[in-house]
Amino acid sequence: MKRQLSQQEKNTVLKQQADSNGTLRCYISGELINPLEDDVEYDHILAWDLDGETDVTNIRAVLKKHHSRKKTKSLAETRSNFQLEKLFLDKKTGVKLQDIFKLKSINKKTIRYITRAKKIL
C-alpha cells in the first residue's frame, strides 16, 4: 500500500474537491484555497493507519495551518471540532443548543413517551 501522492493525483484531488464553479475550499475549515499561493497538504479521510487507501477518493486537500491541529483525529472529526470552536468564538457566551443542532443539521423532532412507575417505557 503506497502512502505518497504523485503530482497528478494531487491535481485530481483538487479537481474533485472543487465546487461546480471551480472554487476550492479547505476540507477542515471551508476557507478558500489558492493552490498556487497557499500551503496545501493532503490527507486521508479514512486514516492510512486504519487501512485507508492512498487513493484520490480517500484524500482531501487542507490548508497546512489547519492540518496541524488534526493530530490523531480523523479529518471529519477535526472539521467538526473546528466548526464547533468557530461557533463558540463567534457567539462567545451566546451559544444555544439550537445553534449546535443547526450546525450539525439536526432537525427538531417530537418525541412521545409513556411513563409507568416513574419509568419511561
C-alpha atoms as a PDB file:
ATOM      1  CA  MET A   1       0.000   0.000   0.000  1.00  0.00           C
ATOM      2  CA  LYS A   2       1.526   3.323  -1.038  1.00  0.00           C
ATOM      3  CA  ARG A   3       1.338   6.437   1.086  1.00  0.00           C
ATOM      4  CA  GLN A   4       2.599   9.314  -1.074  1.00  0.00           C
ATOM      5  CA  LEU A   5       0.645  11.036  -3.838  1.00  0.00           C
ATOM      6  CA  SER A   6       2.036  11.913  -7.226  1.00  0.00           C
ATOM      7  CA  GLN A   7       1.522  15.440  -8.531  1.00  0.00           C
ATOM      8  CA  GLN A   8      -1.043  14.097 -10.985  1.00  0.00           C
ATOM      9  CA  GLU A   9      -3.003  12.518  -8.104  1.00  0.00           C
ATOM     10  CA  LYS A  10      -2.839  15.793  -6.147  1.00  0.00           C
ATOM     11  CA  ASN A  11      -4.252  17.629  -9.160  1.00  0.00           C
ATOM     12  CA  THR A  12      -7.071  15.065  -9.383  1.00  0.00           C
ATOM     13  CA  VAL A  13      -7.891  15.563  -5.680  1.00  0.00           C
ATOM     14  CA  LEU A  14      -8.042  19.336  -6.216  1.00  0.00           C
ATOM     15  CA  LYS A  15     -10.368  18.909  -9.205  1.00  0.00           C
ATOM     16  CA  GLN A  16     -12.734  16.529  -7.442  1.00  0.00           C
ATOM     17  CA  GLN A  17     -12.820  18.678  -4.288  1.00  0.00           C
ATOM     18  CA  ALA A  18     -13.627  21.890  -6.169  1.00  0.00           C
ATOM     19  CA  ASP A  19     -17.191  23.226  -6.274  1.00  0.00           C
ATOM     20  CA  SER A  20     -19.090  23.232  -9.558  1.00  0.00           C
ATOM     21  CA  ASN A  21     -17.842  26.792 -10.173  1.00  0.00           C
ATOM     22  CA  GLY A  22     -14.214  25.728  -9.595  1.00  0.00           C
ATOM     23  CA  THR A  23     -13.911  27.132  -6.061  1.00  0.00           C
ATOM     24  CA  LEU A  24     -11.630  25.060  -3.874  1.00  0.00           C
ATOM     25  CA  ARG A  25     -12.122  25.007  -0.104  1.00  0.00           C
ATOM     26  CA  CYS A  26     -10.157  23.522   2.774  1.00  0.00           C
ATOM     27  CA  TYR A  27     -11.775  20.262   3.879  1.00  0.00           C
ATOM     28  CA  ILE A  28     -11.333  21.214   7.552  1.00  0.00           C
ATOM     29  CA  SER A  29     -12.147  24.942   7.688  1.00  0.00           C
ATOM     30  CA  GLY A  30     -14.060  25.622   4.486  1.00  0.00           C
ATOM     31  CA  GLU A  31     -11.722  28.538   3.730  1.00  0.00           C
ATOM     32  CA  LEU A  32     -10.862  29.247   0.114  1.00  0.00           C
ATOM     33  CA  ILE A  33      -7.693  27.600  -1.166  1.00  0.00           C
ATOM     34  CA  ASN A  34      -5.481  29.030  -3.866  1.00  0.00           C
ATOM     35  CA  PRO A  35      -3.225  26.059  -4.673  1.00  0.00           C
ATOM     36  CA  LEU A  36      -0.688  28.366  -6.327  1.00  0.00           C
ATOM     37  CA  GLU A  37      -0.291  30.578  -3.236  1.00  0.00           C
ATOM     38  CA  ASP A  38      -1.462  28.645  -0.161  1.00  0.00           C
ATOM     39  CA  ASP A  39       0.372  25.885   1.692  1.00  0.00           C
ATOM     40  CA  VAL A  40      -1.794  22.868   0.901  1.00  0.00           C
ATOM     41  CA  GLU A  41      -1.405  19.415   2.382  1.00  0.00           C
ATOM     42  CA  TYR A  42      -3.221  16.201   1.521  1.00  0.00           C
ATOM     43  CA  ASP A  43      -4.574  13.691   3.988  1.00  0.00           C
ATOM     44  CA  HIS A  44      -6.604  10.511   4.143  1.00  0.00           C
ATOM     45  CA  ILE A  45     -10.277  10.675   5.084  1.00  0.00           C
ATOM     46  CA  LEU A  46     -10.026   7.128   6.422  1.00  0.00           C
ATOM     47  CA  ALA A  47      -6.598   7.175   8.053  1.00  0.00           C
ATOM     48  CA  TRP A  48      -3.770   5.307   6.417  1.00  0.00           C
ATOM     49  CA  ASP A  49      -3.030   3.698   9.806  1.00  0.00           C
ATOM     50  CA  LEU A  50      -6.563   2.259   9.738  1.00  0.00           C
ATOM     51  CA  ASP A  51      -6.020   0.743   6.289  1.00  0.00           C
ATOM     52  CA  GLY A  52      -7.328   3.773   4.434  1.00  0.00           C
ATOM     53  CA  GLU A  53      -6.230   3.563   0.830  1.00  0.00           C
ATOM     54  CA  THR A  54      -3.992   6.191  -0.704  1.00  0.00           C
ATOM     55  CA  ASP A  55      -6.484   6.711  -3.469  1.00  0.00           C
ATOM     56  CA  VAL A  56      -7.800  10.054  -4.721  1.00  0.00           C
ATOM     57  CA  THR A  57     -11.294   9.154  -3.466  1.00  0.00           C
ATOM     58  CA  ASN A  58      -9.918   8.878   0.098  1.00  0.00           C
ATOM     59  CA  ILE A  59      -7.758  12.030   0.046  1.00  0.00           C
ATOM     60  CA  ARG A  60      -8.696  15.668   0.697  1.00  0.00           C
ATOM     61  CA  ALA A  61      -6.778  18.924   0.434  1.00  0.00           C
ATOM     62  CA  VAL A  62      -6.437  21.013   3.581  1.00  0.00           C
ATOM     63  CA  LEU A  63      -4.678  24.231   4.456  1.00  0.00           C
ATOM     64  CA  LYS A  64      -1.447  23.478   6.292  1.00  0.00           C
ATOM     65  CA  LYS A  65      -2.347  25.846   9.145  1.00  0.00           C
ATOM     66  CA  HIS A  66      -5.411  23.706   9.921  1.00  0.00           C
ATOM     67  CA  HIS A  67      -3.877  20.331   9.154  1.00  0.00           C
ATOM     68  CA  SER A  68      -1.515  20.663  12.108  1.00  0.00           C
ATOM     69  CA  ARG A  69      -4.476  20.670  14.534  1.00  0.00           C
ATOM     70  CA  LYS A  70      -5.569  17.214  13.333  1.00  0.00           C
ATOM     71  CA  LYS A  71      -3.095  15.139  15.360  1.00  0.00           C
ATOM     72  CA  THR A  72      -4.645  11.657  15.754  1.00  0.00           C
ATOM     73  CA  LYS A  73      -8.228  12.635  14.884  1.00  0.00           C
ATOM     74  CA  SER A  74      -9.897  11.877  11.575  1.00  0.00           C
ATOM     75  CA  LEU A  75     -10.394  14.663   9.042  1.00  0.00           C
ATOM     76  CA  ALA A  76     -14.160  14.620   9.673  1.00  0.00           C
ATOM     77  CA  GLU A  77     -13.656  14.850  13.440  1.00  0.00           C
ATOM     78  CA  THR A  78     -11.171  17.688  13.002  1.00  0.00           C
ATOM     79  CA  ARG A  79     -13.618  19.536  10.741  1.00  0.00           C
ATOM     80  CA  SER A  80     -16.441  19.070  13.253  1.00  0.00           C
ATOM     81  CA  ASN A  81     -14.277  20.334  16.119  1.00  0.00           C
ATOM     82  CA  PHE A  82     -13.197  23.331  14.029  1.00  0.00           C
ATOM     83  CA  GLN A  83     -16.834  24.236  13.282  1.00  0.00           C
ATOM     84  CA  LEU A  84     -17.822  23.982  16.954  1.00  0.00           C
ATOM     85  CA  GLU A  85     -14.824  26.051  18.020  1.00  0.00           C
ATOM     86  CA  LYS A  86     -15.696  28.712  15.455  1.00  0.00           C
ATOM     87  CA  LEU A  87     -19.327  28.776  16.630  1.00  0.00           C
ATOM     88  CA  PHE A  88     -18.250  29.355  20.236  1.00  0.00           C
ATOM     89  CA  LEU A  89     -15.732  32.038  19.236  1.00  0.00           C
ATOM     90  CA  ASP A  90     -18.291  33.849  17.065  1.00  0.00           C
ATOM     91  CA  LYS A  91     -21.129  33.751  19.573  1.00  0.00           C
ATOM     92  CA  LYS A  92     -18.961  33.875  22.710  1.00  0.00           C
ATOM     93  CA  THR A  93     -21.331  33.137  25.601  1.00  0.00           C
ATOM     94  CA  GLY A  94     -24.478  33.310  23.487  1.00  0.00           C
ATOM     95  CA  VAL A  95     -24.355  29.756  22.112  1.00  0.00           C
ATOM     96  CA  LYS A  96     -27.636  27.904  22.428  1.00  0.00           C
ATOM     97  CA  LEU A  97     -28.387  24.249  21.935  1.00  0.00           C
ATOM     98  CA  GLN A  98     -30.377  25.208  18.824  1.00  0.00           C
ATOM     99  CA  ASP A  99     -27.176  26.705  17.333  1.00  0.00           C
ATOM    100  CA  ILE A 100     -25.385  23.389  17.757  1.00  0.00           C
ATOM    101  CA  PHE A 101     -28.350  21.489  16.297  1.00  0.00           C
ATOM    102  CA  LYS A 102     -28.303  23.800  13.277  1.00  0.00           C
ATOM    103  CA  LEU A 103     -24.540  23.371  12.842  1.00  0.00           C
ATOM    104  CA  LYS A 104     -24.909  19.596  12.992  1.00  0.00           C
ATOM    105  CA  SER A 105     -28.019  19.605  10.751  1.00  0.00           C
ATOM    106  CA  ILE A 106     -30.126  18.033  13.472  1.00  0.00           C
ATOM    107  CA  ASN A 107     -33.815  18.616  12.820  1.00  0.00           C
ATOM    108  CA  LYS A 108     -36.381  19.175  15.528  1.00  0.00           C
ATOM    109  CA  LYS A 109     -38.416  16.051  16.279  1.00  0.00           C
ATOM    110  CA  THR A 110     -41.388  15.411  18.501  1.00  0.00           C
ATOM    111  CA  ILE A 111     -40.957  12.549  20.917  1.00  0.00           C
ATOM    112  CA  ARG A 112     -43.777  10.908  22.834  1.00  0.00           C
ATOM    113  CA  TYR A 113     -43.269   8.665  25.780  1.00  0.00           C
ATOM    114  CA  ILE A 114     -45.308   6.789  28.340  1.00  0.00           C
ATOM    115  CA  THR A 115     -44.360   6.543  31.974  1.00  0.00           C
ATOM    116  CA  ARG A 116     -45.313   3.866  34.468  1.00  0.00           C
ATOM    117  CA  ALA A 117     -43.997   3.703  37.965  1.00  0.00           C
ATOM    118  CA  LYS A 118     -41.611   6.572  37.179  1.00  0.00           C
ATOM    119  CA  LYS A 119     -40.028   4.670  34.265  1.00  0.00           C
ATOM    120  CA  ILE A 120     -40.113   5.591  30.599  1.00  0.00           C
ATOM    121  CA  LEU A 121     -41.453   2.737  28.516  1.00  0.00           C
END
